[in-house]
Amino acid sequence: MRLPIKTMLRAWRAVTIVAVFVAASGMLETAGRPVFVAIGEIALNLAAVRSEAEKLREKVTGALFRAQVHSVA
């Protein structure tokens, strides 16, 4: 039974991700940083970046709206 190429690529991608995670967790453990702490810090950093991006998006949208109001008036 032959597997379709898409299935093989998905399986290869999953194996690669697991291997990277295992290797990274081993390196973090030897550096004295538990995996969950490192993942928590990454999640907090991503949340902060997303929050800043949303604030910037709102600021730009507000400026564009005010510019449209001034051009109509």
Protein backbone atom coordinates (compact mmCIF):
# COMPACT_ATOMS: atom_id res chain seq x y z
CA MET A 1 0.00 0.00 0.00
CA ARG A 2 1.51 3.31 -1.07
CA LEU A 3 0.89 6.54 0.81
CA PRO A 4 0.04 9.75 -1.00
CA ILE A 5 2.78 12.38 -1.06
CA LYS A 6 0.70 14.80 1.03
CA THR A 7 0.37 12.22 3.80
CA MET A 8 4.09 11.49 3.73
CA LEU A 9 4.91 15.21 3.90
CA ARG A 10 2.58 15.72 6.86
CA ALA A 11 4.09 12.74 8.66
CA TRP A 12 7.63 13.99 7.96
CA ARG A 13 6.70 17.47 9.22
CA ALA A 14 5.22 16.02 12.42
CA VAL A 15 8.30 13.87 13.05
CA THR A 16 10.57 16.88 12.45
CA ILE A 17 8.60 19.08 14.88
CA VAL A 18 8.71 16.40 17.57
CA ALA A 19 12.45 15.91 17.06
CA VAL A 20 13.10 19.64 17.31
CA PHE A 21 10.99 19.89 20.44
CA VAL A 22 12.79 16.98 22.10
CA ALA A 23 16.20 18.41 21.19
CA ALA A 24 15.25 21.90 22.36
CA SER A 25 13.84 20.61 25.63
CA GLY A 26 17.07 18.70 26.25
CA MET A 27 19.14 21.81 25.63
CA LEU A 28 16.91 23.91 27.87
CA GLU A 29 17.09 21.35 30.66
CA THR A 30 20.89 21.24 30.53
CA ALA A 31 20.95 25.04 30.63
CA GLY A 32 18.92 24.90 33.84
CA ARG A 33 15.67 26.19 32.35
CA PRO A 34 12.64 23.91 32.56
CA VAL A 35 10.74 23.52 29.31
CA PHE A 36 7.47 24.85 30.68
CA VAL A 37 9.10 28.05 31.91
CA ALA A 38 10.65 28.66 28.51
CA ILE A 39 7.36 27.95 26.73
CA GLY A 40 5.55 30.26 29.16
CA GLU A 41 7.98 33.08 28.43
CA ILE A 42 7.56 32.57 24.69
CA ALA A 43 3.77 32.66 25.06
CA LEU A 44 3.95 35.88 27.09
CA ASN A 45 6.23 37.48 24.50
CA LEU A 46 3.89 36.49 21.67
CA ALA A 47 0.92 37.89 23.59
CA ALA A 48 2.75 41.19 24.15
CA VAL A 49 3.66 41.45 20.47
CA ARG A 50 0.08 40.70 19.46
CA SER A 51 -1.23 43.32 21.90
CA GLU A 52 1.17 45.96 20.56
CA ALA A 53 0.21 45.10 16.99
CA GLU A 54 -3.48 45.47 17.85
CA LYS A 55 -2.84 48.87 19.49
CA LEU A 56 -0.93 50.04 16.42
CA ARG A 57 -3.69 48.77 14.12
CA GLU A 58 -6.31 50.68 16.14
CA LYS A 59 -4.17 53.81 16.08
CA VAL A 60 -3.75 53.66 12.29
CA THR A 61 -7.43 52.89 11.75
CA GLY A 62 -8.42 55.84 13.94
CA ALA A 63 -6.08 58.16 12.07
CA LEU A 64 -7.46 57.02 8.72
CA PHE A 65 -11.03 57.52 9.95
CA ARG A 66 -10.24 61.03 11.20
CA ALA A 67 -8.58 61.85 7.87
CA GLN A 68 -11.68 60.71 5.98
CA VAL A 69 -13.95 62.78 8.25
CA HIS A 70 -11.82 65.89 7.70
CA SER A 71 -11.75 65.37 3.93
CA VAL A 72 -15.54 65.02 3.77
CA ALA A 73 -16.24 68.00 6.03
